[in-house]
Every structure is written in structure tokens, then in C-alpha cells.
Amino acid sequence: MLKKIIFHILLTALLTTSSHAEEADAYDVYEWMSSLKGEWKLSPVDKQEGTDSYKHKAIVHMPGTDATGISFKSIGYDSTVQEDLLPNTLKQMVTMYHCKDMECNQIKATHYCVKQNQPEFIANFKESSENRIVFDCDMSTDLCKSDEDHVHKIIHEISNDGKHLKSSYLSWKDKKQKENSSIYHFDKKQ
């Protein structure tokens, strides 16, 4: 009898967990993106794990240790979330997140990159959660299908306390992931 009860509890937990991941929709992802609003500073060098991007001369010479490394704000009467990565540097990039259509069945993003291209993304609802927001390159676009060097996946991971953000911009070239993608760690500015 105890085994049956434990089995039913585990089965219920498994079904609840898996259905929750499938329940994410465009409104959920947009709300999660909106929760990133505000300014974030680059975390200290010893906290920049998994990347060498923070060593780029444009970042090393950022004005002051409290300078904004990334910011998010709503524009267009809350219809778009604007991400400004590494503002006031030579590596400054902007990504715009918004509904793809009037019904808002999908969230779209366009990344204005220092690689001098503009890859387009769609939200990956299955991989996204309140603490991990994933955008995949829109394979219906020419750039995403090309051999050209471009950002192919964007992942924002926020800590449970909402004070730390890891943003990954995974690059592809010749239709495969490059080893040296840009990964940044940020801390919420007070």
C-alpha cells in the first residue's frame, strides 16, 4: 500500500513538472523578460566564469566599476523590451524582444550585433522558465541558415534571488557552434 501511495505521489509530481514546462507561452516569456528591467553591472572578473569576452579592450576600459553592463527597459507602451548590452563601449549591442504577431503566439527578438548582422530569434518555450529564458535563431531566416558568423542562441539565466544574471550569446559559423561565444555575468545595480 505504501508503495502505491509513493508511486502516485511521484507520478503526480512528474506530471505536474512536465506539464508546467509545456504551459509556458508567449505571455509567460514576455513577462519573464520584463522582470529583468533595470540596470546591471558586470560582475567582478573572478566571477566571469566560462568566457574570455570580459577581457575585450572595449569592456576592460568601461568607465568605472559600477558602469552599466546590460540594461532592460520597456518601450512602445510596454510592447517591446529593449536590451542594451555593453552600452557606451565599442561592443555595444541592442536586442529588441516583442510579440511576433497581433495574437502574440510567439515572442520574437532581433539582435543588432557588432558582427554587423541582425539575427532574428524566436522564444524556446520548452527550455524557458522564470529563471532561464532561451531564444533560438529563427531558422526561417536566411542568416540563421547561413554559414555566416552570427549569434545563434541567446540565454538569460537569473539567480533565485534576482540579483545575478548570466547572459550567453552563443555564436555559430559554418552551421556549427563556435567555441568562443560571449558569456557575461552581471549583478543587479542598487
N, C-alpha and C. Protein backbone atom coordinates (compact mmCIF):
# COMPACT_ATOMS: atom_id res chain seq x y z
N MET A 1 0.82 -1.19 0.00
CA MET A 1 0.00 0.00 0.00
C MET A 1 0.86 1.26 0.00
N LEU A 2 1.90 1.28 0.84
CA LEU A 2 2.79 2.44 0.91
C LEU A 2 3.48 2.66 -0.44
N LYS A 3 3.86 1.57 -1.12
CA LYS A 3 4.49 1.69 -2.43
C LYS A 3 3.55 2.35 -3.43
N LYS A 4 2.25 2.00 -3.38
CA LYS A 4 1.27 2.61 -4.28
C LYS A 4 1.15 4.11 -4.02
N ILE A 5 1.12 4.49 -2.77
CA ILE A 5 0.99 5.91 -2.40
C ILE A 5 2.22 6.68 -2.89
N ILE A 6 3.40 6.15 -2.65
CA ILE A 6 4.64 6.79 -3.10
C ILE A 6 4.65 6.89 -4.63
N PHE A 7 4.24 5.79 -5.32
CA PHE A 7 4.20 5.81 -6.78
C PHE A 7 3.26 6.91 -7.28
N HIS A 8 2.07 7.03 -6.68
CA HIS A 8 1.12 8.06 -7.11
C HIS A 8 1.63 9.47 -6.83
N ILE A 9 2.31 9.65 -5.71
CA ILE A 9 2.89 10.97 -5.40
C ILE A 9 3.96 11.32 -6.42
N LEU A 10 4.86 10.36 -6.71
CA LEU A 10 5.92 10.61 -7.70
C LEU A 10 5.34 10.85 -9.09
N LEU A 11 4.34 10.08 -9.48
CA LEU A 11 3.71 10.25 -10.79
C LEU A 11 3.04 11.62 -10.89
N THR A 12 2.34 12.02 -9.85
CA THR A 12 1.69 13.34 -9.84
C THR A 12 2.74 14.45 -9.94
N ALA A 13 3.81 14.32 -9.18
CA ALA A 13 4.89 15.33 -9.23
C ALA A 13 5.51 15.38 -10.62
N LEU A 14 5.74 14.23 -11.24
CA LEU A 14 6.34 14.19 -12.57
C LEU A 14 5.41 14.82 -13.60
N LEU A 15 4.13 14.49 -13.55
CA LEU A 15 3.17 15.06 -14.50
C LEU A 15 3.02 16.56 -14.29
N THR A 16 3.00 17.00 -13.05
CA THR A 16 2.89 18.43 -12.77
C THR A 16 4.10 19.18 -13.28
N THR A 17 5.30 18.64 -13.06
CA THR A 17 6.52 19.28 -13.51
C THR A 17 6.59 19.34 -15.02
N SER A 18 6.30 18.23 -15.70
CA SER A 18 6.41 18.23 -17.15
C SER A 18 5.33 19.08 -17.79
N SER A 19 4.12 19.09 -17.24
CA SER A 19 3.08 19.93 -17.84
C SER A 19 3.35 21.40 -17.59
N HIS A 20 4.01 21.72 -16.47
CA HIS A 20 4.34 23.13 -16.21
C HIS A 20 5.28 23.67 -17.28
N ALA A 21 6.27 22.85 -17.68
CA ALA A 21 7.21 23.31 -18.71
C ALA A 21 6.50 23.53 -20.03
N GLU A 22 5.49 22.69 -20.33
CA GLU A 22 4.75 22.83 -21.57
C GLU A 22 3.77 24.00 -21.52
N GLU A 23 3.42 24.47 -20.34
CA GLU A 23 2.45 25.54 -20.20
C GLU A 23 3.02 26.92 -20.50
N ALA A 24 4.33 27.04 -20.57
CA ALA A 24 4.92 28.35 -20.87
C ALA A 24 4.42 28.79 -22.24
N ASP A 25 4.08 30.06 -22.32
CA ASP A 25 3.63 30.60 -23.59
C ASP A 25 4.26 31.96 -23.81
N ALA A 26 3.85 32.63 -24.86
CA ALA A 26 4.45 33.92 -25.21
C ALA A 26 4.28 34.94 -24.09
N TYR A 27 3.13 34.94 -23.44
CA TYR A 27 2.90 35.91 -22.36
C TYR A 27 3.81 35.63 -21.17
N ASP A 28 4.03 34.35 -20.85
CA ASP A 28 4.94 34.00 -19.76
C ASP A 28 6.35 34.50 -20.06
N VAL A 29 6.85 34.17 -21.26
CA VAL A 29 8.22 34.56 -21.62
C VAL A 29 8.36 36.07 -21.65
N TYR A 30 7.36 36.76 -22.17
CA TYR A 30 7.43 38.23 -22.21
C TYR A 30 7.44 38.80 -20.79
N GLU A 31 6.65 38.23 -19.90
CA GLU A 31 6.64 38.68 -18.51
C GLU A 31 7.99 38.42 -17.85
N TRP A 32 8.59 37.27 -18.14
CA TRP A 32 9.91 36.95 -17.57
C TRP A 32 10.96 37.93 -18.10
N MET A 33 10.89 38.26 -19.39
CA MET A 33 11.81 39.25 -19.95
C MET A 33 11.61 40.60 -19.26
N SER A 34 10.37 40.97 -19.04
CA SER A 34 10.07 42.25 -18.39
C SER A 34 10.61 42.30 -16.96
N SER A 35 10.70 41.15 -16.32
CA SER A 35 11.19 41.12 -14.94
C SER A 35 12.67 41.47 -14.84
N LEU A 36 13.38 41.49 -15.97
CA LEU A 36 14.81 41.84 -15.98
C LEU A 36 15.02 43.36 -16.01
N LYS A 37 13.95 44.13 -16.07
CA LYS A 37 14.05 45.59 -16.19
C LYS A 37 15.03 46.17 -15.18
N GLY A 38 15.78 47.16 -15.65
CA GLY A 38 16.72 47.85 -14.80
C GLY A 38 18.13 47.73 -15.34
N GLU A 39 19.06 48.21 -14.54
CA GLU A 39 20.48 48.21 -14.95
C GLU A 39 21.25 47.17 -14.15
N TRP A 40 22.18 46.56 -14.85
CA TRP A 40 23.04 45.52 -14.29
C TRP A 40 24.48 45.87 -14.59
N LYS A 41 25.37 45.69 -13.62
CA LYS A 41 26.80 45.95 -13.83
C LYS A 41 27.51 44.62 -14.04
N LEU A 42 28.63 44.67 -14.74
CA LEU A 42 29.42 43.45 -14.91
C LEU A 42 29.88 42.95 -13.55
N SER A 43 29.76 41.65 -13.33
CA SER A 43 30.28 41.05 -12.10
C SER A 43 31.79 41.17 -12.10
N PRO A 44 32.43 41.08 -10.92
CA PRO A 44 33.90 41.14 -10.87
C PRO A 44 34.55 40.07 -11.76
N VAL A 45 35.77 40.33 -12.18
CA VAL A 45 36.49 39.45 -13.10
C VAL A 45 36.52 38.01 -12.60
N ASP A 46 36.72 37.80 -11.31
CA ASP A 46 36.81 36.44 -10.78
C ASP A 46 35.46 35.71 -10.84
N LYS A 47 34.37 36.41 -11.10
CA LYS A 47 33.04 35.79 -11.22
C LYS A 47 32.65 35.55 -12.68
N GLN A 48 33.50 35.97 -13.62
CA GLN A 48 33.23 35.81 -15.05
C GLN A 48 33.69 34.43 -15.50
N GLU A 49 32.91 33.43 -15.18
CA GLU A 49 33.26 32.04 -15.49
C GLU A 49 32.82 31.67 -16.90
N GLY A 50 33.62 30.87 -17.56
CA GLY A 50 33.23 30.29 -18.84
C GLY A 50 33.35 31.19 -20.05
N THR A 51 34.08 32.30 -19.93
CA THR A 51 34.20 33.19 -21.08
C THR A 51 35.46 34.04 -20.96
N ASP A 52 35.93 34.50 -22.08
CA ASP A 52 37.01 35.48 -22.12
C ASP A 52 36.50 36.81 -22.64
N SER A 53 35.21 36.90 -22.91
CA SER A 53 34.62 38.11 -23.51
C SER A 53 34.86 39.36 -22.67
N TYR A 54 34.87 39.21 -21.35
CA TYR A 54 35.04 40.36 -20.48
C TYR A 54 36.45 40.96 -20.59
N LYS A 55 37.38 40.25 -21.22
CA LYS A 55 38.75 40.75 -21.38
C LYS A 55 38.91 41.65 -22.61
N HIS A 56 37.88 41.74 -23.43
CA HIS A 56 37.94 42.57 -24.63
C HIS A 56 38.25 44.00 -24.23
N LYS A 57 39.11 44.69 -25.00
CA LYS A 57 39.56 46.04 -24.63
C LYS A 57 38.40 47.01 -24.45
N ALA A 58 37.31 46.82 -25.17
CA ALA A 58 36.16 47.73 -25.03
C ALA A 58 35.51 47.57 -23.66
N ILE A 59 35.58 46.38 -23.10
CA ILE A 59 34.96 46.12 -21.80
C ILE A 59 35.92 46.48 -20.67
N VAL A 60 37.18 46.14 -20.83
CA VAL A 60 38.18 46.45 -19.81
C VAL A 60 38.21 47.95 -19.52
N HIS A 61 37.99 48.76 -20.55
CA HIS A 61 38.05 50.22 -20.38
C HIS A 61 36.69 50.85 -20.13
N MET A 62 35.72 50.06 -19.66
CA MET A 62 34.41 50.63 -19.34
C MET A 62 34.59 51.67 -18.25
N PRO A 63 33.85 52.76 -18.33
CA PRO A 63 34.02 53.82 -17.33
C PRO A 63 33.51 53.41 -15.96
N GLY A 64 34.41 53.20 -15.03
CA GLY A 64 34.04 52.90 -13.64
C GLY A 64 33.61 51.47 -13.42
N THR A 65 33.82 50.98 -12.22
CA THR A 65 33.46 49.60 -11.90
C THR A 65 31.96 49.44 -11.71
N ASP A 66 31.23 50.54 -11.55
CA ASP A 66 29.80 50.46 -11.37
C ASP A 66 29.05 50.79 -12.67
N ALA A 67 29.77 50.83 -13.78
CA ALA A 67 29.16 51.16 -15.07
C ALA A 67 28.14 50.08 -15.46
N THR A 68 27.11 50.48 -16.14
CA THR A 68 26.09 49.55 -16.60
C THR A 68 26.67 48.62 -17.66
N GLY A 69 26.52 47.31 -17.45
CA GLY A 69 26.98 46.32 -18.41
C GLY A 69 25.86 45.85 -19.32
N ILE A 70 24.63 45.86 -18.78
CA ILE A 70 23.45 45.50 -19.55
C ILE A 70 22.25 46.16 -18.88
N SER A 71 21.29 46.56 -19.69
CA SER A 71 20.07 47.12 -19.13
C SER A 71 18.88 46.63 -19.94
N PHE A 72 17.73 46.60 -19.30
CA PHE A 72 16.48 46.21 -19.93
C PHE A 72 15.44 47.27 -19.59
N LYS A 73 14.65 47.66 -20.60
CA LYS A 73 13.56 48.60 -20.35
C LYS A 73 12.43 48.33 -21.33
N SER A 74 11.23 48.70 -20.91
CA SER A 74 10.06 48.58 -21.79
C SER A 74 9.93 49.85 -22.60
N ILE A 75 9.63 49.68 -23.88
CA ILE A 75 9.39 50.82 -24.75
C ILE A 75 8.11 50.55 -25.54
N GLY A 76 7.63 51.54 -26.26
CA GLY A 76 6.45 51.36 -27.10
C GLY A 76 5.23 50.96 -26.32
N TYR A 77 4.99 51.68 -25.20
CA TYR A 77 3.82 51.42 -24.36
C TYR A 77 3.79 49.96 -23.91
N ASP A 78 4.96 49.49 -23.43
CA ASP A 78 5.16 48.12 -22.94
C ASP A 78 4.97 47.05 -24.00
N SER A 79 5.15 47.39 -25.27
CA SER A 79 5.00 46.39 -26.32
C SER A 79 6.33 45.73 -26.69
N THR A 80 7.44 46.30 -26.21
CA THR A 80 8.77 45.79 -26.55
C THR A 80 9.70 45.93 -25.35
N VAL A 81 10.53 44.91 -25.14
CA VAL A 81 11.60 45.01 -24.13
C VAL A 81 12.89 45.24 -24.90
N GLN A 82 13.58 46.34 -24.55
CA GLN A 82 14.85 46.67 -25.19
C GLN A 82 15.99 46.27 -24.26
N GLU A 83 16.90 45.47 -24.78
CA GLU A 83 18.12 45.09 -24.06
C GLU A 83 19.27 45.88 -24.65
N ASP A 84 20.03 46.53 -23.80
CA ASP A 84 21.21 47.28 -24.25
C ASP A 84 22.43 46.64 -23.59
N LEU A 85 23.20 45.91 -24.38
CA LEU A 85 24.37 45.17 -23.88
C LEU A 85 25.63 46.00 -24.08
N LEU A 86 26.40 46.16 -23.01
CA LEU A 86 27.67 46.88 -23.02
C LEU A 86 27.54 48.30 -23.58
N PRO A 87 26.60 49.09 -23.03
CA PRO A 87 26.40 50.45 -23.54
C PRO A 87 27.65 51.30 -23.39
N ASN A 88 27.79 52.25 -24.30
CA ASN A 88 28.92 53.19 -24.30
C ASN A 88 30.27 52.52 -24.47
N THR A 89 30.29 51.36 -25.14
CA THR A 89 31.55 50.68 -25.48
C THR A 89 31.55 50.39 -26.98
N LEU A 90 32.68 49.96 -27.49
CA LEU A 90 32.76 49.57 -28.90
C LEU A 90 32.00 48.28 -29.18
N LYS A 91 31.68 47.51 -28.14
CA LYS A 91 30.95 46.25 -28.30
C LYS A 91 29.46 46.41 -27.99
N GLN A 92 28.96 47.63 -27.95
CA GLN A 92 27.55 47.84 -27.63
C GLN A 92 26.65 47.15 -28.66
N MET A 93 25.64 46.45 -28.14
CA MET A 93 24.66 45.76 -28.99
C MET A 93 23.28 45.94 -28.37
N VAL A 94 22.27 45.88 -29.20
CA VAL A 94 20.89 46.03 -28.73
C VAL A 94 20.08 44.85 -29.24
N THR A 95 19.21 44.33 -28.38
CA THR A 95 18.27 43.29 -28.78
C THR A 95 16.88 43.76 -28.41
N MET A 96 15.94 43.61 -29.34
CA MET A 96 14.56 44.01 -29.12
C MET A 96 13.69 42.75 -29.05
N TYR A 97 12.92 42.61 -27.97
CA TYR A 97 12.05 41.46 -27.76
C TYR A 97 10.60 41.93 -27.84
N HIS A 98 9.78 41.27 -28.64
CA HIS A 98 8.38 41.70 -28.79
C HIS A 98 7.54 40.55 -29.35
N CYS A 99 6.21 40.73 -29.31
CA CYS A 99 5.32 39.73 -29.89
C CYS A 99 5.56 39.66 -31.39
N LYS A 100 5.52 38.45 -31.92
CA LYS A 100 5.75 38.26 -33.35
C LYS A 100 4.54 38.67 -34.18
N ASP A 101 3.34 38.56 -33.59
CA ASP A 101 2.13 38.88 -34.33
C ASP A 101 1.09 39.48 -33.38
N MET A 102 -0.05 39.87 -33.93
CA MET A 102 -1.10 40.52 -33.14
C MET A 102 -1.64 39.61 -32.03
N GLU A 103 -1.70 38.32 -32.29
CA GLU A 103 -2.23 37.37 -31.30
C GLU A 103 -1.21 37.06 -30.21
N CYS A 104 0.04 37.41 -30.44
CA CYS A 104 1.15 37.14 -29.52
C CYS A 104 1.25 35.65 -29.18
N ASN A 105 1.33 34.85 -30.23
CA ASN A 105 1.54 33.42 -30.05
C ASN A 105 3.01 33.07 -29.91
N GLN A 106 3.87 34.02 -30.23
CA GLN A 106 5.31 33.78 -30.20
C GLN A 106 6.02 35.10 -29.87
N ILE A 107 7.13 35.00 -29.14
CA ILE A 107 7.97 36.16 -28.87
C ILE A 107 9.15 36.12 -29.85
N LYS A 108 9.39 37.24 -30.47
CA LYS A 108 10.46 37.38 -31.44
C LYS A 108 11.52 38.31 -30.87
N ALA A 109 12.75 38.14 -31.27
CA ALA A 109 13.83 39.04 -30.88
C ALA A 109 14.69 39.31 -32.11
N THR A 110 15.17 40.53 -32.20
CA THR A 110 16.15 40.89 -33.23
C THR A 110 17.36 41.45 -32.50
N HIS A 111 18.53 40.89 -32.81
CA HIS A 111 19.79 41.25 -32.15
C HIS A 111 20.64 42.08 -33.13
N TYR A 112 20.93 43.32 -32.76
CA TYR A 112 21.74 44.20 -33.59
C TYR A 112 23.17 44.07 -33.10
N CYS A 113 23.96 43.32 -33.85
CA CYS A 113 25.24 42.77 -33.38
C CYS A 113 26.46 43.53 -33.90
N VAL A 114 27.55 43.46 -33.14
CA VAL A 114 28.81 44.04 -33.58
C VAL A 114 29.40 43.26 -34.76
N LYS A 115 28.85 42.09 -35.04
CA LYS A 115 29.29 41.31 -36.21
C LYS A 115 28.68 41.91 -37.48
N GLN A 116 27.97 43.01 -37.31
CA GLN A 116 27.33 43.77 -38.39
C GLN A 116 26.27 42.95 -39.12
N ASN A 117 25.53 42.16 -38.33
CA ASN A 117 24.36 41.48 -38.87
C ASN A 117 23.25 41.53 -37.81
N GLN A 118 22.08 41.09 -38.18
CA GLN A 118 20.92 41.18 -37.29
C GLN A 118 20.17 39.86 -37.26
N PRO A 119 20.68 38.88 -36.51
CA PRO A 119 19.95 37.61 -36.43
C PRO A 119 18.61 37.80 -35.73
N GLU A 120 17.63 37.02 -36.19
CA GLU A 120 16.30 37.05 -35.60
C GLU A 120 16.08 35.76 -34.82
N PHE A 121 15.36 35.87 -33.71
CA PHE A 121 15.18 34.74 -32.80
C PHE A 121 13.71 34.55 -32.49
N ILE A 122 13.38 33.34 -32.06
CA ILE A 122 12.06 33.05 -31.51
C ILE A 122 12.25 32.38 -30.16
N ALA A 123 11.31 32.64 -29.25
CA ALA A 123 11.41 32.08 -27.90
C ALA A 123 11.28 30.57 -27.95
N ASN A 124 12.10 29.91 -27.16
CA ASN A 124 12.02 28.47 -27.00
C ASN A 124 11.23 28.21 -25.72
N PHE A 125 9.93 27.95 -25.85
CA PHE A 125 9.06 27.79 -24.68
C PHE A 125 9.41 26.57 -23.85
N LYS A 126 9.88 25.51 -24.48
CA LYS A 126 10.19 24.28 -23.73
C LYS A 126 11.42 24.43 -22.85
N GLU A 127 12.40 25.25 -23.28
CA GLU A 127 13.62 25.41 -22.49
C GLU A 127 13.55 26.61 -21.55
N SER A 128 12.51 27.43 -21.67
CA SER A 128 12.42 28.65 -20.85
C SER A 128 11.64 28.41 -19.56
N SER A 129 12.04 29.17 -18.54
CA SER A 129 11.34 29.17 -17.25
C SER A 129 11.53 30.55 -16.65
N GLU A 130 11.01 30.77 -15.47
CA GLU A 130 11.17 32.07 -14.82
C GLU A 130 12.63 32.45 -14.62
N ASN A 131 13.50 31.46 -14.46
CA ASN A 131 14.90 31.71 -14.19
C ASN A 131 15.82 31.47 -15.39
N ARG A 132 15.25 31.00 -16.50
CA ARG A 132 16.07 30.70 -17.69
C ARG A 132 15.24 31.01 -18.93
N ILE A 133 15.64 32.03 -19.67
CA ILE A 133 14.90 32.46 -20.86
C ILE A 133 15.77 32.16 -22.07
N VAL A 134 15.22 31.38 -23.01
CA VAL A 134 16.00 30.90 -24.15
C VAL A 134 15.36 31.37 -25.46
N PHE A 135 16.21 31.89 -26.34
CA PHE A 135 15.79 32.28 -27.68
C PHE A 135 16.68 31.57 -28.69
N ASP A 136 16.05 30.89 -29.66
CA ASP A 136 16.78 30.19 -30.72
C ASP A 136 16.72 31.00 -32.01
N CYS A 137 17.77 30.90 -32.80
CA CYS A 137 17.80 31.57 -34.10
C CYS A 137 16.60 31.09 -34.93
N ASP A 138 15.93 32.00 -35.58
CA ASP A 138 14.75 31.69 -36.39
C ASP A 138 15.21 31.07 -37.70
N MET A 139 15.08 29.76 -37.79
CA MET A 139 15.59 29.02 -38.94
C MET A 139 14.82 29.28 -40.23
N SER A 140 13.79 30.11 -40.17
CA SER A 140 13.11 30.50 -41.41
C SER A 140 13.80 31.71 -42.05
N THR A 141 14.83 32.25 -41.38
CA THR A 141 15.55 33.41 -41.92
C THR A 141 16.85 32.96 -42.59
N ASP A 142 17.27 33.73 -43.57
CA ASP A 142 18.48 33.39 -44.33
C ASP A 142 19.74 33.38 -43.45
N LEU A 143 19.88 34.36 -42.56
CA LEU A 143 21.09 34.44 -41.74
C LEU A 143 21.24 33.21 -40.86
N CYS A 144 20.17 32.79 -40.23
CA CYS A 144 20.25 31.64 -39.32
C CYS A 144 20.60 30.34 -40.05
N LYS A 145 20.24 30.25 -41.32
CA LYS A 145 20.56 29.07 -42.13
C LYS A 145 21.92 29.17 -42.80
N SER A 146 22.56 30.32 -42.70
CA SER A 146 23.79 30.56 -43.46
C SER A 146 25.05 30.06 -42.75
N ASP A 147 26.18 30.14 -43.46
CA ASP A 147 27.49 29.82 -42.89
C ASP A 147 28.11 31.03 -42.18
N GLU A 148 27.46 32.19 -42.31
CA GLU A 148 27.99 33.43 -41.73
C GLU A 148 28.09 33.36 -40.21
N ASP A 149 29.12 33.96 -39.66
CA ASP A 149 29.32 34.06 -38.21
C ASP A 149 28.19 34.92 -37.64
N HIS A 150 27.41 34.35 -36.72
CA HIS A 150 26.30 35.08 -36.12
C HIS A 150 25.93 34.48 -34.76
N VAL A 151 25.27 35.27 -33.94
CA VAL A 151 24.73 34.77 -32.68
C VAL A 151 23.56 33.87 -33.05
N HIS A 152 23.56 32.65 -32.52
CA HIS A 152 22.56 31.65 -32.90
C HIS A 152 21.61 31.30 -31.75
N LYS A 153 22.00 31.64 -30.54
CA LYS A 153 21.16 31.33 -29.38
C LYS A 153 21.47 32.37 -28.30
N ILE A 154 20.42 32.86 -27.65
CA ILE A 154 20.57 33.78 -26.52
C ILE A 154 19.92 33.12 -25.31
N ILE A 155 20.65 33.10 -24.20
CA ILE A 155 20.13 32.53 -22.96
C ILE A 155 20.37 33.52 -21.83
N HIS A 156 19.31 33.88 -21.12
CA HIS A 156 19.43 34.70 -19.91
C HIS A 156 19.03 33.83 -18.72
N GLU A 157 19.95 33.72 -17.75
CA GLU A 157 19.69 32.92 -16.55
C GLU A 157 19.81 33.83 -15.34
N ILE A 158 18.72 33.91 -14.57
CA ILE A 158 18.70 34.79 -13.41
C ILE A 158 18.70 33.96 -12.13
N SER A 159 19.43 34.43 -11.14
CA SER A 159 19.51 33.70 -9.88
C SER A 159 18.16 33.74 -9.16
N ASN A 160 17.98 32.81 -8.24
CA ASN A 160 16.72 32.75 -7.48
C ASN A 160 16.42 34.04 -6.73
N ASP A 161 17.46 34.73 -6.26
CA ASP A 161 17.23 35.97 -5.53
C ASP A 161 17.09 37.19 -6.45
N GLY A 162 17.24 36.99 -7.76
CA GLY A 162 17.07 38.07 -8.73
C GLY A 162 18.19 39.08 -8.77
N LYS A 163 19.34 38.76 -8.17
CA LYS A 163 20.43 39.72 -8.09
C LYS A 163 21.59 39.41 -9.04
N HIS A 164 21.59 38.24 -9.66
CA HIS A 164 22.68 37.86 -10.57
C HIS A 164 22.08 37.39 -11.89
N LEU A 165 22.68 37.80 -12.99
CA LEU A 165 22.23 37.45 -14.33
C LEU A 165 23.41 36.93 -15.14
N LYS A 166 23.23 35.78 -15.76
CA LYS A 166 24.21 35.23 -16.70
C LYS A 166 23.57 35.30 -18.08
N SER A 167 24.20 36.04 -18.99
CA SER A 167 23.69 36.18 -20.35
C SER A 167 24.68 35.57 -21.32
N SER A 168 24.19 34.61 -22.12
CA SER A 168 25.03 33.89 -23.08
C SER A 168 24.55 34.19 -24.49
N TYR A 169 25.50 34.51 -25.34
CA TYR A 169 25.24 34.77 -26.76
C TYR A 169 26.08 33.76 -27.52
N LEU A 170 25.47 32.63 -27.88
CA LEU A 170 26.19 31.52 -28.48
C LEU A 170 26.27 31.71 -29.98
N SER A 171 27.50 31.78 -30.48
CA SER A 171 27.73 32.07 -31.89
C SER A 171 27.93 30.80 -32.71
N TRP A 172 27.52 30.89 -33.97
CA TRP A 172 27.69 29.81 -34.92
C TRP A 172 28.42 30.34 -36.15
N LYS A 173 29.17 29.48 -36.76
CA LYS A 173 29.79 29.78 -38.05
C LYS A 173 29.91 28.46 -38.79
N ASP A 174 29.67 28.49 -40.08
CA ASP A 174 29.68 27.28 -40.90
C ASP A 174 28.72 26.22 -40.34
N LYS A 175 27.58 26.68 -39.83
CA LYS A 175 26.48 25.84 -39.35
C LYS A 175 26.84 24.99 -38.12
N LYS A 176 27.81 25.44 -37.34
CA LYS A 176 28.10 24.75 -36.08
C LYS A 176 28.53 25.76 -35.03
N GLN A 177 28.33 25.39 -33.77
CA GLN A 177 28.62 26.31 -32.67
C GLN A 177 30.12 26.55 -32.55
N LYS A 178 30.46 27.83 -32.37
CA LYS A 178 31.85 28.21 -32.16
C LYS A 178 32.22 27.98 -30.70
N GLU A 179 33.50 27.77 -30.46
CA GLU A 179 33.96 27.55 -29.09
C GLU A 179 33.96 28.84 -28.27
N ASN A 180 34.25 29.96 -28.89
CA ASN A 180 34.40 31.22 -28.14
C ASN A 180 33.15 32.11 -28.26
N SER A 181 32.09 31.69 -27.59
CA SER A 181 30.89 32.50 -27.55
C SER A 181 31.02 33.53 -26.44
N SER A 182 30.14 34.50 -26.43
CA SER A 182 30.18 35.56 -25.42
C SER A 182 29.24 35.21 -24.27
N ILE A 183 29.81 35.10 -23.09
CA ILE A 183 29.04 34.82 -21.88
C ILE A 183 29.43 35.87 -20.85
N TYR A 184 28.44 36.54 -20.30
CA TYR A 184 28.69 37.61 -19.33
C TYR A 184 27.92 37.34 -18.05
N HIS A 185 28.52 37.74 -16.93
CA HIS A 185 27.86 37.68 -15.63
C HIS A 185 27.65 39.11 -15.15
N PHE A 186 26.42 39.36 -14.67
CA PHE A 186 26.05 40.70 -14.21
C PHE A 186 25.44 40.64 -12.82
N ASP A 187 25.56 41.75 -12.10
CA ASP A 187 24.91 41.90 -10.80
C ASP A 187 23.97 43.09 -10.89
N LYS A 188 22.79 42.95 -10.28
CA LYS A 188 21.78 44.00 -10.31
C LYS A 188 22.33 45.23 -9.60
N LYS A 189 22.19 46.38 -10.26
CA LYS A 189 22.63 47.64 -9.64
C LYS A 189 21.61 48.06 -8.59
N GLN A 190 22.12 48.61 -7.51
CA GLN A 190 21.25 49.04 -6.41
C GLN A 190 20.71 50.43 -6.64
